[in-house]
Protein backbone atom coordinates (compact mmCIF):
# COMPACT_ATOMS: atom_id res chain seq x y z
CA MET A 1 45.52 -27.65 -1.18
CA ASN A 2 47.38 -25.96 -4.05
CA LYS A 3 44.73 -27.21 -6.43
CA LEU A 4 41.98 -25.86 -4.19
CA SER A 5 43.68 -22.47 -4.00
CA PHE A 6 43.95 -22.39 -7.77
CA VAL A 7 40.29 -23.27 -8.17
CA ALA A 8 39.26 -20.59 -5.65
CA ALA A 9 41.33 -17.94 -7.46
CA LEU A 10 39.85 -19.02 -10.78
CA LEU A 11 36.31 -18.74 -9.41
CA ALA A 12 37.01 -15.27 -7.99
CA GLY A 13 38.22 -14.10 -11.38
CA LEU A 14 35.32 -15.60 -13.28
CA LEU A 15 32.72 -14.13 -10.93
CA THR A 16 33.79 -10.62 -11.93
CA GLY A 17 32.63 -11.21 -15.49
CA CYS A 18 30.43 -8.78 -17.31
CA ALA A 19 26.64 -8.79 -17.11
CA VAL A 20 24.77 -8.82 -20.41
CA GLY A 21 21.66 -6.77 -20.89
CA PRO A 22 21.05 -3.02 -20.55
CA ASN A 23 22.07 -1.19 -17.40
CA TYR A 24 19.28 0.82 -15.81
CA HIS A 25 19.18 4.57 -16.36
CA LYS A 26 16.50 6.67 -14.70
CA PRO A 27 14.12 8.04 -17.33
CA VAL A 28 14.17 11.79 -17.80
CA ILE A 29 10.74 13.12 -16.85
CA GLN A 30 9.73 16.70 -17.53
CA THR A 31 7.94 18.06 -14.47
CA PRO A 32 5.85 21.26 -14.49
CA ALA A 33 7.28 24.35 -12.84
CA THR A 34 4.29 24.68 -10.50
CA PHE A 35 1.16 22.79 -9.62
CA ARG A 36 -1.91 24.01 -11.46
CA SER A 37 -4.46 25.62 -9.14
CA PRO A 38 -7.30 28.19 -9.43
CA THR A 39 -5.13 30.98 -8.06
CA ALA A 40 -1.44 31.44 -8.56
CA LEU A 41 0.45 29.76 -5.76
CA PRO A 42 3.35 31.59 -4.12
CA ALA A 43 6.85 30.64 -5.15
CA SER A 44 7.18 27.13 -3.81
CA ASP A 45 10.11 26.01 -1.75
CA ALA A 46 10.96 22.61 -0.33
CA ALA A 47 8.23 22.91 2.31
CA SER A 48 5.16 20.78 1.74
CA MET A 49 2.21 19.67 3.80
CA ALA A 50 3.22 16.12 2.87
CA ASP A 51 6.36 16.51 5.00
CA LEU A 52 4.16 16.60 8.11
CA LYS A 53 3.35 13.43 10.02
CA TRP A 54 -0.30 12.44 9.91
CA TRP A 55 -0.78 13.28 13.60
CA GLN A 56 0.42 16.82 12.84
CA VAL A 57 -2.28 17.23 10.18
CA PHE A 58 -5.20 15.60 11.99
CA LYS A 59 -5.37 17.17 15.45
CA ASP A 60 -8.41 15.27 16.79
CA GLU A 61 -7.07 12.96 19.52
CA ARG A 62 -9.82 10.39 18.97
CA LEU A 63 -9.00 10.31 15.28
CA GLN A 64 -5.34 9.81 16.12
CA GLU A 65 -6.25 6.81 18.28
CA LEU A 66 -8.23 5.34 15.40
CA GLU A 67 -5.30 5.87 13.04
CA ARG A 68 -2.89 4.10 15.39
CA THR A 69 -5.23 1.16 15.78
CA ALA A 70 -5.69 0.89 12.01
CA LEU A 71 -1.94 0.97 11.39
CA ALA A 72 -1.54 -1.91 13.84
CA GLN A 73 -4.51 -4.09 12.88
CA ASN A 74 -5.74 -3.29 9.36
CA TYR A 75 -5.93 -6.41 7.20
CA ASP A 76 -4.74 -4.77 3.97
CA LEU A 77 -1.68 -3.32 5.69
CA ARG A 78 -0.84 -6.63 7.35
CA ASP A 79 -1.13 -8.30 3.96
CA ALA A 80 1.21 -5.69 2.45
CA VAL A 81 3.76 -6.37 5.21
CA ALA A 82 3.53 -10.10 4.48
CA ARG A 83 4.18 -9.37 0.80
CA VAL A 84 7.31 -7.43 1.74
CA GLU A 85 8.57 -10.37 3.80
CA ALA A 86 7.83 -12.73 0.92
CA ALA A 87 9.77 -10.48 -1.49
CA ARG A 88 12.68 -10.31 0.97
CA ALA A 89 12.77 -14.11 1.22
CA SER A 90 12.58 -14.39 -2.57
CA LEU A 91 15.58 -12.06 -2.87
CA GLY A 92 17.52 -14.26 -0.45
CA ILE A 93 16.71 -17.37 -2.50
CA THR A 94 17.67 -15.72 -5.79
CA ARG A 95 20.88 -14.21 -4.42
CA SER A 96 21.99 -17.56 -2.98
CA ASN A 97 22.24 -18.95 -6.52
CA GLN A 98 25.38 -16.81 -7.04
CA PHE A 99 27.33 -18.74 -4.40
CA PRO A 100 28.54 -22.33 -4.18
CA THR A 101 26.45 -24.81 -2.26
CA VAL A 102 28.54 -27.11 -0.11
CA ASP A 103 27.36 -29.95 2.07
CA ALA A 104 29.06 -32.69 4.04
CA GLY A 105 28.19 -36.35 4.28
CA ALA A 106 29.46 -39.35 6.19
CA ASP A 107 28.52 -42.99 6.34
CA ILE A 108 29.65 -46.12 8.10
CA SER A 109 28.63 -49.71 7.43
CA THR A 110 29.42 -53.03 9.09
CA THR A 111 29.19 -56.29 7.09
CA ARG A 112 29.25 -59.86 8.43
CA ILE A 113 30.35 -62.60 6.01
CA SER A 114 28.75 -66.03 6.37
CA ARG A 115 30.98 -69.16 6.30
CA ASN A 116 27.99 -71.39 5.56
CA GLY A 117 26.71 -69.76 2.39
CA SER A 118 26.37 -71.33 -1.00
CA THR A 119 30.17 -71.68 -1.04
CA PRO A 120 31.37 -72.61 2.49
CA LEU A 121 34.66 -70.95 3.41
CA PRO A 122 37.19 -72.37 5.89
CA ALA A 123 38.03 -70.41 9.05
CA SER A 124 41.65 -70.03 7.91
CA PHE A 125 40.48 -68.26 4.77
CA VAL A 126 38.00 -65.92 6.48
CA ARG A 127 39.59 -64.96 9.75
CA THR A 128 37.21 -62.07 10.49
CA GLN A 129 33.50 -62.44 9.78
CA GLU A 130 32.72 -58.72 10.33
CA ARG A 131 34.18 -55.77 8.41
CA THR A 132 33.56 -52.07 9.10
CA PHE A 133 33.88 -49.59 6.24
CA GLY A 134 33.26 -45.82 6.35
CA GLY A 135 33.57 -42.67 4.33
CA ALA A 136 33.24 -38.86 4.60
CA THR A 137 32.90 -36.32 1.81
CA LEU A 138 32.65 -32.57 1.34
CA ASN A 139 30.44 -31.99 -1.72
CA LEU A 140 30.36 -29.00 -4.04
CA LEU A 141 26.90 -29.15 -5.54
CA SER A 142 26.32 -27.85 -9.05
CA PHE A 143 27.69 -24.28 -8.94
CA GLU A 144 27.08 -22.04 -11.96
CA LEU A 145 29.79 -19.60 -12.97
CA ASP A 146 27.96 -16.32 -13.57
CA LEU A 147 30.13 -15.22 -16.48
CA TRP A 148 27.33 -13.42 -18.31
CA GLY A 149 25.59 -11.96 -15.27
CA ARG A 150 22.41 -14.04 -15.49
CA LEU A 151 22.30 -14.64 -11.75
CA ARG A 152 23.33 -11.08 -10.95
CA ARG A 153 20.57 -9.69 -13.17
CA ALA A 154 18.08 -12.04 -11.53
CA THR A 155 19.22 -10.78 -8.12
CA GLU A 156 18.89 -7.19 -9.36
CA ALA A 157 15.31 -7.90 -10.44
CA ALA A 158 14.49 -9.60 -7.12
CA ARG A 159 15.92 -6.64 -5.18
CA ALA A 160 13.81 -4.23 -7.23
CA ASN A 161 10.74 -6.37 -6.55
CA LEU A 162 11.49 -6.17 -2.84
CA LEU A 163 11.77 -2.37 -2.98
CA SER A 164 8.57 -2.22 -5.02
CA ALA A 165 6.76 -4.27 -2.37
CA GLU A 166 8.07 -1.93 0.32
CA GLU A 167 6.86 1.12 -1.61
CA ASN A 168 3.48 -0.55 -2.09
CA ARG A 169 3.33 -1.05 1.67
CA LYS A 170 3.92 2.68 2.14
CA ALA A 171 1.18 3.40 -0.40
CA VAL A 172 -1.19 1.20 1.60
CA VAL A 173 -0.26 3.13 4.75
CA SER A 174 -0.97 6.45 3.03
CA THR A 175 -4.29 5.19 1.69
CA LEU A 176 -5.26 3.75 5.05
CA VAL A 177 -4.53 7.00 6.89
CA GLY A 178 -6.65 8.89 4.36
CA ASP A 179 -9.49 6.37 4.44
CA VAL A 180 -9.73 6.39 8.24
CA ALA A 181 -9.70 10.20 8.35
CA THR A 182 -12.31 10.46 5.59
CA ALA A 183 -14.61 7.92 7.25
CA TYR A 184 -14.23 9.66 10.63
CA PHE A 185 -15.04 13.09 9.19
CA SER A 186 -18.01 11.57 7.37
CA LEU A 187 -19.21 10.16 10.68
CA ARG A 188 -18.90 13.56 12.37
CA GLU A 189 -20.77 15.16 9.45
CA LEU A 190 -23.62 12.67 9.87
CA ASP A 191 -23.66 13.42 13.59
CA TYR A 192 -23.92 17.11 12.76
CA GLN A 193 -26.75 16.50 10.29
CA LEU A 194 -28.52 14.43 12.93
CA GLU A 195 -28.14 17.31 15.37
CA ILE A 196 -29.58 19.75 12.80
CA SER A 197 -32.50 17.42 12.09
CA ARG A 198 -33.37 17.00 15.74
CA ARG A 199 -33.11 20.73 16.40
CA THR A 200 -35.26 21.47 13.36
CA LEU A 201 -37.80 18.85 14.44
CA ALA A 202 -38.09 20.45 17.88
CA THR A 203 -38.57 23.89 16.30
CA ARG A 204 -41.22 22.61 13.90
CA GLN A 205 -43.07 20.81 16.68
CA SER A 206 -43.24 24.11 18.57
CA SER A 207 -44.55 25.80 15.43
CA LEU A 208 -47.12 23.03 14.99
CA THR A 209 -48.34 23.61 18.53
CA LEU A 210 -48.67 27.31 17.75
CA VAL A 211 -50.69 26.57 14.59
CA LYS A 212 -52.98 24.18 16.48
CA ASN A 213 -53.67 26.84 19.08
CA ARG A 214 -54.38 29.43 16.40
CA GLN A 215 -56.68 27.02 14.57
CA THR A 216 -58.58 26.38 17.78
CA GLY A 217 -59.01 30.13 18.10
CA GLY A 218 -60.22 30.34 14.51
CA VAL A 219 -57.17 32.28 13.29
CA ALA A 220 -55.37 29.50 11.37
CA THR A 221 -56.92 27.24 8.76
CA LEU A 222 -56.85 23.48 8.38
CA LEU A 223 -54.48 23.97 5.43
CA ASP A 224 -52.05 25.78 7.74
CA LEU A 225 -52.25 22.85 10.13
CA ARG A 226 -51.53 20.28 7.41
CA GLN A 227 -48.58 22.29 6.08
CA SER A 228 -47.08 22.48 9.56
CA GLU A 229 -47.57 18.75 10.03
CA GLN A 230 -45.84 18.14 6.70
CA LEU A 231 -42.72 19.95 7.89
CA VAL A 232 -42.73 18.02 11.18
CA TYR A 233 -42.99 14.66 9.43
CA THR A 234 -40.31 15.65 6.91
CA ALA A 235 -37.82 16.46 9.68
CA ALA A 236 -38.77 13.33 11.63
CA GLU A 237 -38.26 11.12 8.57
CA THR A 238 -34.64 12.21 8.09
CA ILE A 239 -33.62 11.09 11.60
CA PRO A 240 -33.89 7.27 11.11
CA ALA A 241 -32.16 7.55 7.72
CA LEU A 242 -29.28 9.49 9.27
CA GLN A 243 -29.05 7.04 12.16
CA GLN A 244 -28.74 4.22 9.65
CA GLN A 245 -25.88 5.99 7.87
CA VAL A 246 -24.17 6.69 11.21
CA GLU A 247 -24.25 3.04 12.23
CA GLN A 248 -23.07 1.84 8.82
CA THR A 249 -20.20 4.35 8.84
CA GLU A 250 -19.18 3.11 12.29
CA ASN A 251 -19.09 -0.41 10.87
CA GLN A 252 -16.93 0.80 7.99
CA ILE A 253 -14.46 2.37 10.42
CA SER A 254 -14.42 -0.81 12.52
CA LEU A 255 -13.49 -2.81 9.41
CA LEU A 256 -10.63 -0.42 8.65
CA LEU A 257 -9.46 -0.92 12.23
CA GLY A 258 -9.61 -4.69 11.92
CA LYS A 259 -12.34 -4.92 14.55
CA ASN A 260 -15.83 -6.34 14.76
CA PRO A 261 -18.67 -3.87 14.07
CA GLY A 262 -19.19 -1.57 17.01
CA GLU A 263 -19.56 1.98 18.22
CA VAL A 264 -16.83 4.51 17.47
CA ILE A 265 -15.82 6.99 20.15
CA ARG A 266 -16.03 10.57 18.92
CA GLY A 267 -13.75 13.52 19.52
CA LEU A 268 -14.10 17.03 18.11
CA SER A 269 -17.33 17.90 16.33
CA LEU A 270 -17.45 18.76 12.65
CA THR A 271 -17.30 22.50 13.27
CA GLU A 272 -14.44 22.14 15.77
CA GLN A 273 -12.06 20.33 13.41
CA GLU A 274 -8.91 22.36 12.76
CA MET A 275 -8.16 23.31 9.20
CA PRO A 276 -4.61 24.12 8.08
CA PRO A 277 -4.38 27.89 7.45
CA GLU A 278 -2.50 27.26 4.20
CA VAL A 279 -1.47 24.25 2.20
CA PRO A 280 2.11 24.49 0.85
CA PRO A 281 2.32 21.89 -1.93
CA GLY A 282 6.12 22.04 -2.26
CA LEU A 283 8.14 21.68 -5.43
CA PRO A 284 6.52 19.60 -8.20
CA SER A 285 9.77 17.68 -8.75
CA SER A 286 9.76 16.50 -5.13
CA LEU A 287 6.51 14.66 -5.84
CA LEU A 288 8.59 11.98 -7.57
CA ASP A 289 10.34 11.25 -4.27
CA ARG A 290 7.33 11.58 -1.94
CA ARG A 291 4.79 9.44 -3.76
CA PRO A 292 5.35 5.75 -2.95
CA ASP A 293 3.31 4.62 -5.95
CA ILE A 294 5.71 6.47 -8.27
CA ARG A 295 8.72 4.90 -6.59
CA ALA A 296 7.08 1.46 -6.75
CA ALA A 297 6.47 1.96 -10.49
CA GLU A 298 10.15 2.84 -10.96
CA GLN A 299 11.26 -0.29 -9.10
CA ASN A 300 9.00 -2.33 -11.39
CA LEU A 301 10.80 -0.70 -14.32
CA ILE A 302 14.19 -1.60 -12.82
CA ALA A 303 13.08 -5.21 -12.36
CA ALA A 304 11.79 -5.43 -15.94
CA ASN A 305 15.05 -3.95 -17.24
CA ALA A 306 17.10 -6.55 -15.32
CA GLU A 307 14.97 -9.39 -16.67
CA ILE A 308 16.19 -8.51 -20.17
CA GLY A 309 19.73 -9.39 -19.05
CA VAL A 310 18.49 -12.68 -17.65
CA ALA A 311 16.87 -13.50 -20.99
CA LYS A 312 19.90 -12.49 -23.07
CA ALA A 313 22.24 -14.60 -20.92
CA ALA A 314 20.53 -17.68 -22.31
CA TYR A 315 22.38 -17.08 -25.62
CA PHE A 316 25.71 -17.87 -23.96
CA PRO A 317 27.17 -21.08 -22.55
CA GLN A 318 26.17 -22.07 -19.04
CA ILE A 319 29.18 -23.33 -17.07
CA SER A 320 28.61 -25.31 -13.91
CA LEU A 321 31.01 -27.01 -11.52
CA THR A 322 30.46 -30.04 -9.33
CA GLY A 323 32.85 -32.02 -7.20
CA PHE A 324 33.61 -33.59 -3.89
CA LEU A 325 36.53 -34.15 -1.54
CA GLY A 326 36.81 -36.79 1.16
CA GLY A 327 38.04 -40.23 2.09
CA GLN A 328 36.98 -43.85 2.29
CA GLY A 329 38.48 -46.63 4.38
CA ASN A 330 38.21 -48.93 7.35
CA GLN A 331 40.45 -46.88 9.65
CA LEU A 332 39.27 -43.51 10.97
CA SER A 333 42.83 -42.33 11.56
CA SER A 334 43.76 -42.69 7.90
CA LEU A 335 40.43 -41.65 6.40
CA PHE A 336 41.73 -38.41 4.82
CA SER A 337 45.29 -39.40 3.95
CA GLY A 338 47.17 -41.79 1.74
CA PRO A 339 45.25 -44.17 -0.44
CA SER A 340 41.97 -43.43 1.45
CA ALA A 341 41.67 -39.87 0.05
CA ILE A 342 39.20 -39.30 -2.79
CA TRP A 343 38.24 -36.23 -4.81
CA ASN A 344 36.38 -35.37 -7.95
CA PHE A 345 36.02 -32.15 -9.95
CA THR A 346 33.62 -31.99 -12.90
CA PRO A 347 33.21 -28.81 -14.98
CA GLN A 348 30.25 -28.87 -17.35
CA VAL A 349 29.41 -26.56 -20.25
CA THR A 350 25.97 -26.32 -21.82
CA GLN A 351 25.50 -24.29 -25.01
CA PRO A 352 22.08 -23.92 -26.66
CA ILE A 353 22.28 -24.70 -30.38
CA PHE A 354 18.73 -24.87 -31.65
CA THR A 355 15.74 -23.63 -29.61
CA ALA A 356 13.29 -22.82 -32.42
CA GLY A 357 13.46 -19.10 -31.56
CA ARG A 358 12.56 -19.55 -27.89
CA ILE A 359 15.46 -17.48 -26.54
CA LYS A 360 14.93 -14.68 -29.06
CA SER A 361 11.21 -14.58 -28.35
CA ASN A 362 11.88 -14.48 -24.61
CA VAL A 363 14.21 -11.49 -25.08
CA ARG A 364 11.52 -9.72 -27.10
CA LEU A 365 8.97 -10.53 -24.40
CA GLN A 366 11.14 -9.03 -21.66
CA GLU A 367 11.81 -5.94 -23.79
CA ALA A 368 8.07 -5.51 -24.30
CA LEU A 369 7.49 -5.91 -20.57
CA ARG A 370 10.15 -3.26 -19.93
CA GLU A 371 8.36 -0.91 -22.33
CA HIS A 372 5.08 -1.64 -20.52
CA ALA A 373 6.72 -0.86 -17.18
CA LEU A 374 8.11 2.40 -18.59
CA ILE A 375 4.67 3.45 -19.86
CA GLN A 376 3.13 2.63 -16.48
CA TYR A 377 5.86 4.64 -14.74
CA GLU A 378 5.23 7.70 -16.91
CA LYS A 379 1.46 7.32 -16.54
CA THR A 380 1.77 7.08 -12.76
CA ILE A 381 3.71 10.35 -12.72
CA GLN A 382 1.20 12.16 -14.92
CA THR A 383 -1.67 10.78 -12.84
CA ALA A 384 0.03 12.06 -9.70
CA PHE A 385 0.31 15.62 -11.05
CA THR A 386 -3.33 15.49 -12.16
CA GLU A 387 -4.45 14.31 -8.73
CA VAL A 388 -2.52 17.09 -7.00
CA SER A 389 -4.01 19.71 -9.30
CA ASN A 390 -7.53 18.35 -8.75
CA ALA A 391 -6.99 18.34 -5.00
CA LEU A 392 -5.74 21.93 -5.01
CA VAL A 393 -8.73 23.00 -7.10
CA ALA A 394 -11.14 21.20 -4.78
CA HIS A 395 -9.53 22.64 -1.66
CA GLN A 396 -9.70 26.24 -2.83
CA ARG A 397 -13.11 26.08 -4.50
CA VAL A 398 -14.79 24.23 -1.63
CA ARG A 399 -13.42 26.78 0.82
CA GLU A 400 -14.92 29.58 -1.26
CA SER A 401 -18.23 27.70 -1.43
CA ARG A 402 -18.24 27.18 2.34
CA VAL A 403 -17.84 30.91 2.98
CA GLN A 404 -20.80 31.74 0.74
CA GLN A 405 -22.95 28.97 2.23
CA GLU A 406 -22.29 30.28 5.74
CA LEU A 407 -23.55 33.69 4.62
CA LEU A 408 -26.65 32.04 3.11
CA VAL A 409 -27.41 30.13 6.33
CA ALA A 410 -27.02 33.32 8.39
CA ALA A 411 -29.44 35.15 6.08
CA LEU A 412 -31.99 32.31 6.17
CA GLN A 413 -31.83 32.13 9.96
CA ASP A 414 -32.71 35.80 10.17
CA ARG A 415 -35.41 35.43 7.51
CA THR A 416 -37.00 32.52 9.40
CA ARG A 417 -36.98 34.48 12.63
CA LEU A 418 -38.61 37.49 11.01
CA ALA A 419 -41.18 35.36 9.15
CA TYR A 420 -42.43 33.73 12.36
CA VAL A 421 -42.50 37.09 14.16
CA ARG A 422 -44.67 38.52 11.39
CA TYR A 423 -46.90 35.42 11.43
CA ARG A 424 -47.43 35.61 15.16
CA GLY A 425 -48.18 39.29 14.78
CA GLY A 426 -50.80 38.52 12.16
CA VAL A 427 -49.19 40.62 9.43
CA ASP A 428 -48.01 37.70 7.22
CA THR A 429 -49.19 34.26 6.18
CA LEU A 430 -47.89 30.97 7.51
CA LEU A 431 -46.72 30.03 4.02
CA ASN A 432 -43.79 32.46 4.13
CA ALA A 433 -42.73 31.19 7.55
CA LEU A 434 -42.90 27.56 6.42
CA ASP A 435 -40.97 28.30 3.22
CA SER A 436 -38.21 30.06 5.13
CA ASP A 437 -38.06 27.18 7.61
CA ARG A 438 -37.77 24.65 4.79
CA ASP A 439 -35.06 26.65 3.03
CA LEU A 440 -33.09 27.02 6.26
CA PHE A 441 -33.18 23.30 6.93
CA GLN A 442 -31.86 22.44 3.47
CA ALA A 443 -29.21 25.15 3.63
CA GLU A 444 -27.91 23.90 6.99
CA LEU A 445 -27.67 20.36 5.67
CA ALA A 446 -25.88 21.62 2.58
CA LEU A 447 -23.44 23.59 4.76
CA SER A 448 -22.58 20.48 6.76
CA GLN A 449 -21.85 18.62 3.51
CA ILE A 450 -19.63 21.46 2.27
CA ARG A 451 -17.72 21.47 5.55
CA LEU A 452 -17.17 17.73 5.14
CA ASN A 453 -15.99 18.26 1.57
CA GLU A 454 -13.50 20.84 2.78
CA LEU A 455 -12.07 18.45 5.36
CA VAL A 456 -11.94 15.64 2.83
CA SER A 457 -10.17 17.92 0.35
CA VAL A 458 -7.41 18.41 2.93
CA VAL A 459 -7.18 14.66 3.45
CA GLN A 460 -7.05 14.05 -0.28
CA LEU A 461 -4.44 16.75 -0.87
CA TYR A 462 -2.28 15.36 1.93
CA LYS A 463 -2.51 11.90 0.37
CA VAL A 464 -1.82 12.87 -3.25
CA LEU A 465 1.19 14.95 -2.19
CA GLY A 466 2.69 11.75 -0.81
CA GLY A 467 2.11 12.24 2.91
CA GLY A 468 0.92 9.88 5.59
CA TRP A 469 3.30 6.95 5.24
CA GLN A 470 6.27 8.40 7.15
């Protein structure tokens, strides 16, 4: 036992050896003082729209139900979770290499000796024809002393890969929340366009009836009739096309929810959707902590940095230990004592001498991969700031456009009303009434698209700020 204690103490001392390769230091990234936007944002504090949970941003209860279903059943998210579990298992496998592997074995055999073989033996010489022999061992399988930190660096890389997979899962969650919200708002916008088309069709059919009556009375011409029919057919043609888009969008949402194609239950209409009164973007520096894709890129950098240590450790000797402890004999009571005891301890040292530059080239490869990971990390950060700026620009500019479009629709509604009043009164031609009707229809469709763009800009801003995965 004294020898075992000495060996255990020696192993404990050796395991605290240094680890070759560079230690990771977080790169210094210069972040802008504020996010770029069309108008100067107020002095930002720690508050950000990204700190809100997705159900606090999207108030439509039906949309919230769709989000919950997607988070439970979406195929991409389930795949991301499986990747996290695979990375966790890989870490466990890699980390286990730092510890000894011990197993136990036992065997027993019974042999009968023949007296009538090729050399017959007398009974006085072979008193017992059967002999039982057994053994038991405790085996220390090839255990590598991690003097140079190769196994510890490999574990560091595996842990970083696990954290990267977890951050990628959060990024999938954020993307999924945004995709479901965008598809739902697009569906409500198509519903609104369908409502506009049907209302316009009913109005134009009434106008067509009026023109037919006036033509019968000799007041309107055949040209007036054909122009009115043109507007009716134009409005009627948009309805099947919109219905097609509605059904295809429902199928898209069903796919995001991990369901078969089917109808999607609606909640608030497009015009009833709540818009946040203001969008606090928070401090630019906090974007590095909120965005899961940035954190995943950093973990990839940590893993690549650790792999350099794994590669450099190949320059140094690899020391491994094997051995066993046990006993062999024909008496169970004396199996582990006296002359029955057996043990073996075999240290082994392997030192590379000539590898034709393989080790050096591998170190250079890992250093190049670390540089690649660093570039990707910096690019991810710059892309994130660009996306936030673009989202802020879109949010503010689309809101301004929506206000002006609402004024245009109000003016065209009044113009259309006045044009038909003048036509019925016989003081104006049908052409002015039809032109105003056509302009109103296009303006209302454009307004619905702008309202959708405004909602989508909120979704996009929430996503690029790093929200949605909490």
